[in-house]
Amino acid sequence: MVINENLTPAAGTPVWKDLALPIETLPNLRRVDSRGRLYRSSRQDLLSRADTERLNDLGIRSVLDFRSKSEYKAASGDKIFDQNSSILEVIIPKGQSSAKGICDVSTKPVKMKYLKAIKNKEAPTLDGCNSTHHSAITRKRFLLDFFKFHFVWTVFNRIPLYKRLFSLVYLIVDILFRTHFRYFIRYFAKETLNPAGLLSTYIDMIELSGAQICLALRILSDPANLPAMVNCAHGKDRTGIVIAMVLSLLGKSDDYIAEEYALSEIGLDPIRSRVHQEIVERTNMDESFTHAKRETMDGLLQYIHKTYSTVPNYLESIGFGREDQEKLLQSLRD
């Protein structure tokens, strides 16, 4: 697959045909910047071998995956793209779960736990791919769980006490039958996420998952990790928030950021039924959680401006300071 690195998104409005990369088994894949240093997509677990080779043409060195270890392992697919990857779970120290000061890693350094490690000299080839110059590629997949205990506990405590007590029934069933908390998650969605709505959940993510946002941007600030891919399950929510922060630092307008976010409506069209099954049927979330409407991102940006004045101010509040921001910009522009 040939990528035109000179193709620059329009200054005013992002256009799907200018940014999208046509890889059939990787929906919602598109370029974020004009230089091909950063991409976003849905999960790569279902990539075919042929499409894995096409994706390798991008030279991706790292993948920022905003799923938990259990979410990653439970996801369907052969995960062919990860056959030549090291999988690292990012362990955030306790006490750094709140939004303020979470990137002060001088006293409590972030740890990387290898779930699968591959040394460069031992990198396996992708069997079945008709190429040799990609066979030695190794990359890192960083698993950055957005929904740690602090997030769930804070949001869950907003519902009445009697409903919290009732949830113990679901927890007991989940533990006894080892359901990976399926029934508790469905109850959690019904009682907390659905009444609040998607925008409120986004606001909770920037306020309660600041550590993950900050660390994601730090990983992107290292030129050795670029080109990079950012994904979650569908490349819409967790991915959309982090990409919005990057685009804002790159000087894009709020209109551009909201329109770029809304491109996921087009990107997810080929797997609309799967998105519905994974979000609505499996987790009991409202149908609105399957969409990427520009007004959702508009609302999030308005909240940031009202609360922090600017995106750089918000990022500074979570520990990603002005020098860090400049380093990220330099990495993406090199």
C-alpha atoms as a PDB file:
ATOM      1  CA  MET A   1       0.000   0.000   0.000  1.00  0.00           C
ATOM      2  CA  VAL A   2       1.440   3.372  -1.023  1.00  0.00           C
ATOM      3  CA  ILE A   3       0.854   6.268   1.354  1.00  0.00           C
ATOM      4  CA  ASN A   4       1.013   9.783  -0.046  1.00  0.00           C
ATOM      5  CA  GLU A   5       2.905  11.613   2.695  1.00  0.00           C
ATOM      6  CA  ASN A   6       2.349  14.945   0.917  1.00  0.00           C
ATOM      7  CA  LEU A   7      -1.409  14.715   1.333  1.00  0.00           C
ATOM      8  CA  THR A   8      -2.391  17.357   3.867  1.00  0.00           C
ATOM      9  CA  PRO A   9      -5.855  17.523   5.459  1.00  0.00           C
ATOM     10  CA  ALA A  10      -7.819  20.636   4.604  1.00  0.00           C
ATOM     11  CA  ALA A  11      -7.234  23.398   7.119  1.00  0.00           C
ATOM     12  CA  GLY A  12     -10.927  23.888   7.766  1.00  0.00           C
ATOM     13  CA  THR A  13     -12.741  20.581   7.625  1.00  0.00           C
ATOM     14  CA  PRO A  14     -11.322  17.041   7.729  1.00  0.00           C
ATOM     15  CA  VAL A  15     -12.512  14.877   4.846  1.00  0.00           C
ATOM     16  CA  TRP A  16     -12.852  11.111   5.179  1.00  0.00           C
ATOM     17  CA  LYS A  17     -11.438  10.345   1.725  1.00  0.00           C
ATOM     18  CA  ASP A  18      -8.328  12.409   2.482  1.00  0.00           C
ATOM     19  CA  LEU A  19      -7.587  10.766   5.824  1.00  0.00           C
ATOM     20  CA  ALA A  20      -8.967   7.221   5.595  1.00  0.00           C
ATOM     21  CA  LEU A  21      -6.819   4.229   4.693  1.00  0.00           C
ATOM     22  CA  PRO A  22      -8.769   1.470   2.916  1.00  0.00           C
ATOM     23  CA  ILE A  23      -7.889  -1.648   4.888  1.00  0.00           C
ATOM     24  CA  GLU A  24     -10.988  -3.834   4.862  1.00  0.00           C
ATOM     25  CA  THR A  25     -10.429  -5.780   8.085  1.00  0.00           C
ATOM     26  CA  LEU A  26      -9.462  -2.689  10.102  1.00  0.00           C
ATOM     27  CA  PRO A  27     -12.468  -0.341  10.200  1.00  0.00           C
ATOM     28  CA  ASN A  28     -12.206   3.291  11.256  1.00  0.00           C
ATOM     29  CA  LEU A  29      -8.541   3.553  10.268  1.00  0.00           C
ATOM     30  CA  ARG A  30      -7.310   7.006   9.371  1.00  0.00           C
ATOM     31  CA  ARG A  31      -4.311   9.271   9.514  1.00  0.00           C
ATOM     32  CA  VAL A  32      -4.327  11.969  12.212  1.00  0.00           C
ATOM     33  CA  ASP A  33      -1.492  14.257  11.156  1.00  0.00           C
ATOM     34  CA  SER A  34      -0.240  15.409   7.779  1.00  0.00           C
ATOM     35  CA  ARG A  35       3.098  13.579   7.986  1.00  0.00           C
ATOM     36  CA  GLY A  36       1.911  10.049   8.718  1.00  0.00           C
ATOM     37  CA  ARG A  37       3.373   9.983  12.224  1.00  0.00           C
ATOM     38  CA  LEU A  38       0.103   9.193  13.980  1.00  0.00           C
ATOM     39  CA  TYR A  39      -2.863   6.996  13.073  1.00  0.00           C
ATOM     40  CA  ARG A  40      -6.079   5.944  14.776  1.00  0.00           C
ATOM     41  CA  SER A  41      -8.268   2.887  14.315  1.00  0.00           C
ATOM     42  CA  SER A  42     -10.510   0.296  15.895  1.00  0.00           C
ATOM     43  CA  ARG A  43      -8.860  -2.775  17.433  1.00  0.00           C
ATOM     44  CA  GLN A  44      -6.510  -4.621  15.097  1.00  0.00           C
ATOM     45  CA  ASP A  45      -7.388  -8.070  16.480  1.00  0.00           C
ATOM     46  CA  LEU A  46      -9.368  -9.120  13.389  1.00  0.00           C
ATOM     47  CA  LEU A  47      -6.835  -8.116  10.733  1.00  0.00           C
ATOM     48  CA  SER A  48      -6.353 -10.650   7.960  1.00  0.00           C
ATOM     49  CA  ARG A  49      -2.832 -11.718   7.027  1.00  0.00           C
ATOM     50  CA  ALA A  50      -2.972  -9.773   3.781  1.00  0.00           C
ATOM     51  CA  ASP A  51      -4.186  -6.624   5.530  1.00  0.00           C
ATOM     52  CA  THR A  52      -1.559  -7.073   8.237  1.00  0.00           C
ATOM     53  CA  GLU A  53       1.087  -6.815   5.542  1.00  0.00           C
ATOM     54  CA  ARG A  54      -0.570  -3.695   4.151  1.00  0.00           C
ATOM     55  CA  LEU A  55      -0.657  -2.127   7.609  1.00  0.00           C
ATOM     56  CA  ASN A  56       3.005  -2.987   8.109  1.00  0.00           C
ATOM     57  CA  ASP A  57       3.751  -0.656   5.186  1.00  0.00           C
ATOM     58  CA  LEU A  58       3.031   2.223   7.564  1.00  0.00           C
ATOM     59  CA  GLY A  59       6.017   1.216   9.697  1.00  0.00           C
ATOM     60  CA  ILE A  60       4.085   1.408  12.969  1.00  0.00           C
ATOM     61  CA  ARG A  61       6.512   1.211  15.899  1.00  0.00           C
ATOM     62  CA  SER A  62       4.056   1.410  18.769  1.00  0.00           C
ATOM     63  CA  VAL A  63       0.366   0.928  19.458  1.00  0.00           C
ATOM     64  CA  LEU A  64      -1.402   2.765  22.264  1.00  0.00           C
ATOM     65  CA  ASP A  65      -4.281   0.506  23.211  1.00  0.00           C
ATOM     66  CA  PHE A  66      -6.724   1.934  25.751  1.00  0.00           C
ATOM     67  CA  ARG A  67      -8.161  -1.434  26.711  1.00  0.00           C
ATOM     68  CA  SER A  68      -7.466  -3.359  29.886  1.00  0.00           C
ATOM     69  CA  LYS A  69      -5.445  -6.550  29.834  1.00  0.00           C
ATOM     70  CA  SER A  70      -8.601  -8.620  30.269  1.00  0.00           C
ATOM     71  CA  GLU A  71     -10.458  -6.679  27.560  1.00  0.00           C
ATOM     72  CA  TYR A  72      -7.561  -7.204  25.162  1.00  0.00           C
ATOM     73  CA  LYS A  73      -7.286 -10.924  25.887  1.00  0.00           C
ATOM     74  CA  ALA A  74     -11.043 -11.522  25.695  1.00  0.00           C
ATOM     75  CA  ALA A  75     -11.457  -9.768  22.343  1.00  0.00           C
ATOM     76  CA  SER A  76     -12.177 -12.015  19.384  1.00  0.00           C
ATOM     77  CA  GLY A  77      -9.712 -12.387  16.540  1.00  0.00           C
ATOM     78  CA  ASP A  78      -6.366 -14.028  15.809  1.00  0.00           C
ATOM     79  CA  LYS A  79      -4.346 -10.886  16.648  1.00  0.00           C
ATOM     80  CA  ILE A  80      -2.007 -11.523  13.723  1.00  0.00           C
ATOM     81  CA  PHE A  81      -0.758  -7.930  13.896  1.00  0.00           C
ATOM     82  CA  ASP A  82       0.712  -8.693  17.334  1.00  0.00           C
ATOM     83  CA  GLN A  83       2.680 -11.762  16.286  1.00  0.00           C
ATOM     84  CA  ASN A  84       5.762  -9.558  16.026  1.00  0.00           C
ATOM     85  CA  SER A  85       4.894  -7.249  18.922  1.00  0.00           C
ATOM     86  CA  SER A  86       5.844  -6.951  22.551  1.00  0.00           C
ATOM     87  CA  ILE A  87       2.723  -6.492  24.689  1.00  0.00           C
ATOM     88  CA  LEU A  88       3.175  -4.243  27.710  1.00  0.00           C
ATOM     89  CA  GLU A  89       0.626  -3.515  30.417  1.00  0.00           C
ATOM     90  CA  VAL A  90       1.228  -0.035  31.815  1.00  0.00           C
ATOM     91  CA  ILE A  91       1.012  -0.193  35.613  1.00  0.00           C
ATOM     92  CA  ILE A  92       0.085   3.188  37.080  1.00  0.00           C
ATOM     93  CA  PRO A  93       1.249   3.569  40.702  1.00  0.00           C
ATOM     94  CA  LYS A  94      -1.425   3.772  43.373  1.00  0.00           C
ATOM     95  CA  GLY A  95      -2.228   7.311  44.383  1.00  0.00           C
ATOM     96  CA  GLN A  96      -1.894   8.620  40.836  1.00  0.00           C
ATOM     97  CA  SER A  97      -5.438   7.810  39.776  1.00  0.00           C
ATOM     98  CA  SER A  98      -6.910  11.263  40.234  1.00  0.00           C
ATOM     99  CA  ALA A  99      -6.645  13.960  37.609  1.00  0.00           C
ATOM    100  CA  LYS A 100      -4.280  16.251  39.489  1.00  0.00           C
ATOM    101  CA  GLY A 101      -0.557  15.605  39.458  1.00  0.00           C
ATOM    102  CA  ILE A 102      -0.844  12.084  38.103  1.00  0.00           C
ATOM    103  CA  CYS A 103       2.235  12.349  35.915  1.00  0.00           C
ATOM    104  CA  ASP A 104       4.601  13.103  38.769  1.00  0.00           C
ATOM    105  CA  VAL A 105       6.475   9.858  38.267  1.00  0.00           C
ATOM    106  CA  SER A 106       9.652  10.967  40.035  1.00  0.00           C
ATOM    107  CA  THR A 107       8.595   9.378  43.330  1.00  0.00           C
ATOM    108  CA  LYS A 108       6.376   6.575  42.019  1.00  0.00           C
ATOM    109  CA  PRO A 109       7.612   5.548  38.577  1.00  0.00           C
ATOM    110  CA  VAL A 110       5.272   3.948  36.082  1.00  0.00           C
ATOM    111  CA  LYS A 111       6.012   0.283  35.487  1.00  0.00           C
ATOM    112  CA  MET A 112       5.712  -1.745  32.306  1.00  0.00           C
ATOM    113  CA  LYS A 113       4.666  -5.364  32.766  1.00  0.00           C
ATOM    114  CA  TYR A 114       5.467  -7.545  29.769  1.00  0.00           C
ATOM    115  CA  LEU A 115       2.614  -9.831  28.813  1.00  0.00           C
ATOM    116  CA  LYS A 116       4.621 -10.960  25.803  1.00  0.00           C
ATOM    117  CA  ALA A 117       8.180  -9.891  25.069  1.00  0.00           C
ATOM    118  CA  ILE A 118       9.956 -10.178  21.733  1.00  0.00           C
ATOM    119  CA  LYS A 119      13.605  -9.315  21.250  1.00  0.00           C
ATOM    120  CA  ASN A 120      14.585  -7.711  17.970  1.00  0.00           C
ATOM    121  CA  LYS A 121      16.948 -10.488  16.967  1.00  0.00           C
ATOM    122  CA  GLU A 122      14.303 -13.110  17.668  1.00  0.00           C
ATOM    123  CA  ALA A 123      11.387 -11.356  15.990  1.00  0.00           C
ATOM    124  CA  PRO A 124       9.191 -13.921  14.222  1.00  0.00           C
ATOM    125  CA  THR A 125       8.059 -13.498  10.676  1.00  0.00           C
ATOM    126  CA  LEU A 126       4.425 -13.143   9.668  1.00  0.00           C
ATOM    127  CA  ASP A 127       3.772 -16.514   8.068  1.00  0.00           C
ATOM    128  CA  GLY A 128       1.877 -16.201   4.853  1.00  0.00           C
ATOM    129  CA  CYS A 129       2.909 -12.612   4.102  1.00  0.00           C
ATOM    130  CA  ASN A 130       4.741 -12.150   0.817  1.00  0.00           C
ATOM    131  CA  SER A 131       7.362  -9.729   2.068  1.00  0.00           C
ATOM    132  CA  THR A 132      10.800  -9.904   3.580  1.00  0.00           C
ATOM    133  CA  HIS A 133      11.596  -6.295   4.473  1.00  0.00           C
ATOM    134  CA  HIS A 134       8.900  -6.258   7.176  1.00  0.00           C
ATOM    135  CA  SER A 135       9.695  -9.642   8.664  1.00  0.00           C
ATOM    136  CA  ALA A 136      12.043  -8.263  11.327  1.00  0.00           C
ATOM    137  CA  ILE A 137       9.746  -5.449  12.449  1.00  0.00           C
ATOM    138  CA  THR A 138       9.043  -5.405  16.164  1.00  0.00           C
ATOM    139  CA  ARG A 139       6.663  -3.006  17.807  1.00  0.00           C
ATOM    140  CA  LYS A 140       5.292  -2.383  21.248  1.00  0.00           C
ATOM    141  CA  ARG A 141       1.644  -2.455  22.239  1.00  0.00           C
ATOM    142  CA  PHE A 142       1.026  -0.415  25.378  1.00  0.00           C
ATOM    143  CA  LEU A 143      -2.154  -1.392  27.241  1.00  0.00           C
ATOM    144  CA  LEU A 144      -3.454   1.681  29.102  1.00  0.00           C
ATOM    145  CA  ASP A 145      -6.667   0.819  30.929  1.00  0.00           C
ATOM    146  CA  PHE A 146      -8.950   3.879  31.071  1.00  0.00           C
ATOM    147  CA  PHE A 147     -11.442   2.336  33.485  1.00  0.00           C
ATOM    148  CA  LYS A 148      -9.476   1.526  36.613  1.00  0.00           C
ATOM    149  CA  PHE A 149     -11.097   0.999  40.016  1.00  0.00           C
ATOM    150  CA  HIS A 150     -10.951   4.719  40.851  1.00  0.00           C
ATOM    151  CA  PHE A 151     -13.065   5.539  37.794  1.00  0.00           C
ATOM    152  CA  VAL A 152     -15.677   2.848  38.427  1.00  0.00           C
ATOM    153  CA  TRP A 153     -15.884   3.554  42.164  1.00  0.00           C
ATOM    154  CA  THR A 154     -16.328   7.304  41.710  1.00  0.00           C
ATOM    155  CA  VAL A 155     -19.044   6.997  39.085  1.00  0.00           C
ATOM    156  CA  PHE A 156     -20.822   4.140  40.847  1.00  0.00           C
ATOM    157  CA  ASN A 157     -21.036   6.054  44.133  1.00  0.00           C
ATOM    158  CA  ARG A 158     -23.340   8.577  42.488  1.00  0.00           C
ATOM    159  CA  ILE A 159     -26.282   6.210  42.533  1.00  0.00           C
ATOM    160  CA  PRO A 160     -28.429   5.643  45.660  1.00  0.00           C
ATOM    161  CA  LEU A 161     -27.098   3.382  48.397  1.00  0.00           C
ATOM    162  CA  TYR A 162     -29.822   0.761  47.987  1.00  0.00           C
ATOM    163  CA  LYS A 163     -28.879   0.302  44.322  1.00  0.00           C
ATOM    164  CA  ARG A 164     -25.233  -0.093  45.251  1.00  0.00           C
ATOM    165  CA  LEU A 165     -26.173  -2.754  47.788  1.00  0.00           C
ATOM    166  CA  PHE A 166     -28.334  -4.527  45.211  1.00  0.00           C
ATOM    167  CA  SER A 167     -25.358  -4.651  42.858  1.00  0.00           C
ATOM    168  CA  LEU A 168     -23.697  -7.096  45.265  1.00  0.00           C
ATOM    169  CA  VAL A 169     -26.062  -9.749  43.923  1.00  0.00           C
ATOM    170  CA  TYR A 170     -24.582  -9.304  40.448  1.00  0.00           C
ATOM    171  CA  LEU A 171     -21.050  -9.287  41.812  1.00  0.00           C
ATOM    172  CA  ILE A 172     -21.606 -12.554  43.647  1.00  0.00           C
ATOM    173  CA  VAL A 173     -23.029 -14.184  40.517  1.00  0.00           C
ATOM    174  CA  ASP A 174     -20.110 -12.870  38.442  1.00  0.00           C
ATOM    175  CA  ILE A 175     -17.552 -14.189  40.919  1.00  0.00           C
ATOM    176  CA  LEU A 176     -19.210 -17.584  41.326  1.00  0.00           C
ATOM    177  CA  PHE A 177     -19.598 -18.175  37.602  1.00  0.00           C
ATOM    178  CA  ARG A 178     -16.447 -16.316  36.482  1.00  0.00           C
ATOM    179  CA  THR A 179     -18.283 -14.128  34.005  1.00  0.00           C
ATOM    180  CA  HIS A 180     -15.605 -11.396  33.860  1.00  0.00           C
ATOM    181  CA  PHE A 181     -18.098  -9.134  35.700  1.00  0.00           C
ATOM    182  CA  ARG A 182     -20.543  -9.286  32.826  1.00  0.00           C
ATOM    183  CA  TYR A 183     -23.684  -8.825  34.935  1.00  0.00           C
ATOM    184  CA  PHE A 184     -22.213  -6.112  37.124  1.00  0.00           C
ATOM    185  CA  ILE A 185     -21.100  -4.207  34.018  1.00  0.00           C
ATOM    186  CA  ARG A 186     -24.600  -4.404  32.562  1.00  0.00           C
ATOM    187  CA  TYR A 187     -26.077  -3.136  35.832  1.00  0.00           C
ATOM    188  CA  PHE A 188     -23.414  -0.412  36.036  1.00  0.00           C
ATOM    189  CA  ALA A 189     -24.251   0.772  32.520  1.00  0.00           C
ATOM    190  CA  LYS A 190     -27.985   0.793  33.165  1.00  0.00           C
ATOM    191  CA  GLU A 191     -27.798   2.693  36.457  1.00  0.00           C
ATOM    192  CA  THR A 192     -24.899   5.094  35.861  1.00  0.00           C
ATOM    193  CA  LEU A 193     -23.752   5.506  32.252  1.00  0.00           C
ATOM    194  CA  ASN A 194     -27.088   5.484  30.434  1.00  0.00           C
ATOM    195  CA  PRO A 195     -28.837   8.116  32.592  1.00  0.00           C
ATOM    196  CA  ALA A 196     -25.804  10.422  32.373  1.00  0.00           C
ATOM    197  CA  GLY A 197     -25.185   9.979  28.648  1.00  0.00           C
ATOM    198  CA  LEU A 198     -22.105   9.748  26.448  1.00  0.00           C
ATOM    199  CA  LEU A 199     -20.907  13.328  26.960  1.00  0.00           C
ATOM    200  CA  SER A 200     -20.975  12.941  30.735  1.00  0.00           C
ATOM    201  CA  THR A 201     -18.924   9.761  30.380  1.00  0.00           C
ATOM    202  CA  TYR A 202     -16.355  11.658  28.302  1.00  0.00           C
ATOM    203  CA  ILE A 203     -16.135  14.332  30.987  1.00  0.00           C
ATOM    204  CA  ASP A 204     -15.599  11.614  33.592  1.00  0.00           C
ATOM    205  CA  MET A 205     -12.817  10.170  31.462  1.00  0.00           C
ATOM    206  CA  ILE A 206     -10.850  13.405  31.275  1.00  0.00           C
ATOM    207  CA  GLU A 207     -11.351  14.019  34.996  1.00  0.00           C
ATOM    208  CA  LEU A 208     -10.819  10.480  36.289  1.00  0.00           C
ATOM    209  CA  SER A 209      -8.487   8.958  33.689  1.00  0.00           C
ATOM    210  CA  GLY A 210      -5.992  11.792  33.515  1.00  0.00           C
ATOM    211  CA  ALA A 211      -3.131   9.393  34.223  1.00  0.00           C
ATOM    212  CA  GLN A 212      -3.856   7.405  31.097  1.00  0.00           C
ATOM    213  CA  ILE A 213      -4.199  10.508  28.920  1.00  0.00           C
ATOM    214  CA  CYS A 214      -0.976  11.968  30.267  1.00  0.00           C
ATOM    215  CA  LEU A 215       1.000   8.759  29.849  1.00  0.00           C
ATOM    216  CA  ALA A 216      -0.350   8.231  26.341  1.00  0.00           C
ATOM    217  CA  LEU A 217       0.922  11.654  25.337  1.00  0.00           C
ATOM    218  CA  ARG A 218       4.281  10.932  26.965  1.00  0.00           C
ATOM    219  CA  ILE A 219       4.625   7.763  24.901  1.00  0.00           C
ATOM    220  CA  LEU A 220       3.817   9.719  21.749  1.00  0.00           C
ATOM    221  CA  SER A 221       6.426  12.310  22.722  1.00  0.00           C
ATOM    222  CA  ASP A 222       9.243   9.805  22.244  1.00  0.00           C
ATOM    223  CA  PRO A 223      10.324   9.822  18.567  1.00  0.00           C
ATOM    224  CA  ALA A 224      11.394   6.191  18.964  1.00  0.00           C
ATOM    225  CA  ASN A 225       7.718   5.260  19.335  1.00  0.00           C
ATOM    226  CA  LEU A 226       6.653   6.911  16.081  1.00  0.00           C
ATOM    227  CA  PRO A 227       4.898   6.270  13.775  1.00  0.00           C
ATOM    228  CA  ALA A 228       2.240   5.226  16.273  1.00  0.00           C
ATOM    229  CA  MET A 229      -1.278   3.849  16.180  1.00  0.00           C
ATOM    230  CA  VAL A 230      -3.932   4.723  18.774  1.00  0.00           C
ATOM    231  CA  ASN A 231      -6.907   2.463  19.350  1.00  0.00           C
ATOM    232  CA  CYS A 232      -9.480   1.201  21.827  1.00  0.00           C
ATOM    233  CA  ALA A 233     -12.279  -1.227  20.990  1.00  0.00           C
ATOM    234  CA  HIS A 234     -13.849   0.742  18.146  1.00  0.00           C
ATOM    235  CA  GLY A 235     -11.484   3.724  17.885  1.00  0.00           C
ATOM    236  CA  LYS A 236     -14.232   6.146  18.858  1.00  0.00           C
ATOM    237  CA  ASP A 237     -14.416   7.082  22.558  1.00  0.00           C
ATOM    238  CA  ARG A 238     -11.151   6.641  24.465  1.00  0.00           C
ATOM    239  CA  THR A 239      -9.225   7.057  21.236  1.00  0.00           C
ATOM    240  CA  GLY A 240     -11.309  10.089  20.270  1.00  0.00           C
ATOM    241  CA  ILE A 241     -10.506  11.914  23.495  1.00  0.00           C
ATOM    242  CA  VAL A 242      -6.739  11.420  23.257  1.00  0.00           C
ATOM    243  CA  ILE A 243      -6.674  12.344  19.573  1.00  0.00           C
ATOM    244  CA  ALA A 244      -8.680  15.484  20.356  1.00  0.00           C
ATOM    245  CA  MET A 245      -5.964  16.540  22.806  1.00  0.00           C
ATOM    246  CA  VAL A 246      -3.262  15.955  20.187  1.00  0.00           C
ATOM    247  CA  LEU A 247      -5.121  17.844  17.463  1.00  0.00           C
ATOM    248  CA  SER A 248      -5.699  20.781  19.783  1.00  0.00           C
ATOM    249  CA  LEU A 249      -1.973  20.980  20.525  1.00  0.00           C
ATOM    250  CA  LEU A 250      -1.327  20.832  16.779  1.00  0.00           C
ATOM    251  CA  GLY A 251      -3.365  24.022  16.456  1.00  0.00           C
ATOM    252  CA  LYS A 252      -6.545  22.571  14.985  1.00  0.00           C
ATOM    253  CA  SER A 253      -9.773  24.459  15.654  1.00  0.00           C
ATOM    254  CA  ASP A 254     -12.562  23.061  17.804  1.00  0.00           C
ATOM    255  CA  ASP A 255     -14.657  22.713  14.652  1.00  0.00           C
ATOM    256  CA  TYR A 256     -11.951  20.641  12.991  1.00  0.00           C
ATOM    257  CA  ILE A 257     -11.534  18.432  16.071  1.00  0.00           C
ATOM    258  CA  ALA A 258     -15.276  17.803  16.373  1.00  0.00           C
ATOM    259  CA  GLU A 259     -15.595  17.011  12.669  1.00  0.00           C
ATOM    260  CA  GLU A 260     -12.585  14.693  12.772  1.00  0.00           C
ATOM    261  CA  TYR A 261     -14.130  12.874  15.729  1.00  0.00           C
ATOM    262  CA  ALA A 262     -17.423  12.527  13.837  1.00  0.00           C
ATOM    263  CA  LEU A 263     -15.627  10.776  10.956  1.00  0.00           C
ATOM    264  CA  SER A 264     -15.930   7.644  13.102  1.00  0.00           C
ATOM    265  CA  GLU A 265     -19.604   7.568  12.101  1.00  0.00           C
ATOM    266  CA  ILE A 266     -18.404   6.804   8.572  1.00  0.00           C
ATOM    267  CA  GLY A 267     -15.526   4.642   9.729  1.00  0.00           C
ATOM    268  CA  LEU A 268     -17.731   2.319  11.764  1.00  0.00           C
ATOM    269  CA  ASP A 269     -20.490   1.941   9.173  1.00  0.00           C
ATOM    270  CA  PRO A 270     -19.073  -1.356   7.819  1.00  0.00           C
ATOM    271  CA  ILE A 271     -19.308  -2.946  11.289  1.00  0.00           C
ATOM    272  CA  ARG A 272     -22.399  -1.183  12.622  1.00  0.00           C
ATOM    273  CA  SER A 273     -24.044  -4.467  13.635  1.00  0.00           C
ATOM    274  CA  ARG A 274     -20.916  -5.590  15.494  1.00  0.00           C
ATOM    275  CA  VAL A 275     -20.670  -2.265  17.307  1.00  0.00           C
ATOM    276  CA  HIS A 276     -24.309  -2.611  18.367  1.00  0.00           C
ATOM    277  CA  GLN A 277     -23.716  -6.150  19.576  1.00  0.00           C
ATOM    278  CA  GLU A 278     -20.609  -5.248  21.583  1.00  0.00           C
ATOM    279  CA  ILE A 279     -21.952  -2.037  23.114  1.00  0.00           C
ATOM    280  CA  VAL A 280     -25.719  -2.426  23.425  1.00  0.00           C
ATOM    281  CA  GLU A 281     -26.346  -6.164  23.597  1.00  0.00           C
ATOM    282  CA  ARG A 282     -23.262  -7.165  25.558  1.00  0.00           C
ATOM    283  CA  THR A 283     -22.864  -4.273  28.007  1.00  0.00           C
ATOM    284  CA  ASN A 284     -26.433  -2.922  28.143  1.00  0.00           C
ATOM    285  CA  MET A 285     -25.414   0.600  27.127  1.00  0.00           C
ATOM    286  CA  ASP A 286     -27.828   2.916  25.368  1.00  0.00           C
ATOM    287  CA  GLU A 287     -27.856   3.011  21.557  1.00  0.00           C
ATOM    288  CA  SER A 288     -26.459   6.556  21.688  1.00  0.00           C
ATOM    289  CA  PHE A 289     -23.143   5.106  22.906  1.00  0.00           C
ATOM    290  CA  THR A 290     -22.639   3.486  19.481  1.00  0.00           C
ATOM    291  CA  HIS A 291     -22.426   6.830  17.683  1.00  0.00           C
ATOM    292  CA  ALA A 292     -19.812   9.558  17.231  1.00  0.00           C
ATOM    293  CA  LYS A 293     -21.830  12.737  16.800  1.00  0.00           C
ATOM    294  CA  ARG A 294     -19.893  15.977  16.530  1.00  0.00           C
ATOM    295  CA  GLU A 295     -22.029  17.580  19.268  1.00  0.00           C
ATOM    296  CA  THR A 296     -20.539  15.112  21.766  1.00  0.00           C
ATOM    297  CA  MET A 297     -17.005  16.326  21.087  1.00  0.00           C
ATOM    298  CA  ASP A 298     -18.276  19.912  20.912  1.00  0.00           C
ATOM    299  CA  GLY A 299     -19.679  19.460  24.408  1.00  0.00           C
ATOM    300  CA  LEU A 300     -16.440  18.015  25.761  1.00  0.00           C
ATOM    301  CA  LEU A 301     -14.350  20.862  24.335  1.00  0.00           C
ATOM    302  CA  GLN A 302     -16.803  23.405  25.737  1.00  0.00           C
ATOM    303  CA  TYR A 303     -16.461  21.780  29.159  1.00  0.00           C
ATOM    304  CA  ILE A 304     -12.664  21.966  28.957  1.00  0.00           C
ATOM    305  CA  HIS A 305     -12.767  25.628  27.947  1.00  0.00           C
ATOM    306  CA  LYS A 306     -15.222  26.466  30.724  1.00  0.00           C
ATOM    307  CA  THR A 307     -13.287  24.560  33.392  1.00  0.00           C
ATOM    308  CA  TYR A 308      -9.660  25.015  32.306  1.00  0.00           C
ATOM    309  CA  SER A 309      -9.857  27.821  29.692  1.00  0.00           C
ATOM    310  CA  THR A 310      -7.719  25.876  27.209  1.00  0.00           C
ATOM    311  CA  VAL A 311      -6.702  22.330  26.352  1.00  0.00           C
ATOM    312  CA  PRO A 312      -3.037  23.082  27.207  1.00  0.00           C
ATOM    313  CA  ASN A 313      -4.188  24.230  30.646  1.00  0.00           C
ATOM    314  CA  TYR A 314      -6.122  20.999  31.132  1.00  0.00           C
ATOM    315  CA  LEU A 315      -3.117  18.934  30.089  1.00  0.00           C
ATOM    316  CA  GLU A 316      -0.921  20.909  32.461  1.00  0.00           C
ATOM    317  CA  SER A 317      -3.370  20.135  35.282  1.00  0.00           C
ATOM    318  CA  ILE A 318      -2.862  16.397  34.759  1.00  0.00           C
ATOM    319  CA  GLY A 319       0.907  16.709  34.734  1.00  0.00           C
ATOM    320  CA  PHE A 320       1.585  17.100  31.020  1.00  0.00           C
ATOM    321  CA  GLY A 321       3.235  20.513  31.213  1.00  0.00           C
ATOM    322  CA  ARG A 322       4.206  23.076  28.591  1.00  0.00           C
ATOM    323  CA  GLU A 323       7.646  21.570  28.034  1.00  0.00           C
ATOM    324  CA  ASP A 324       6.033  18.159  27.592  1.00  0.00           C
ATOM    325  CA  GLN A 325       3.574  19.619  25.110  1.00  0.00           C
ATOM    326  CA  GLU A 326       6.365  21.199  23.100  1.00  0.00           C
ATOM    327  CA  LYS A 327       8.258  17.913  23.063  1.00  0.00           C
ATOM    328  CA  LEU A 328       5.176  16.134  21.696  1.00  0.00           C
ATOM    329  CA  LEU A 329       4.778  18.728  18.960  1.00  0.00           C
ATOM    330  CA  GLN A 330       8.433  18.414  18.028  1.00  0.00           C
ATOM    331  CA  SER A 331       8.142  14.618  17.792  1.00  0.00           C
ATOM    332  CA  LEU A 332       5.110  14.800  15.523  1.00  0.00           C
ATOM    333  CA  ARG A 333       6.674  17.449  13.290  1.00  0.00           C
ATOM    334  CA  ASP A 334      10.093  15.831  12.829  1.00  0.00           C
END
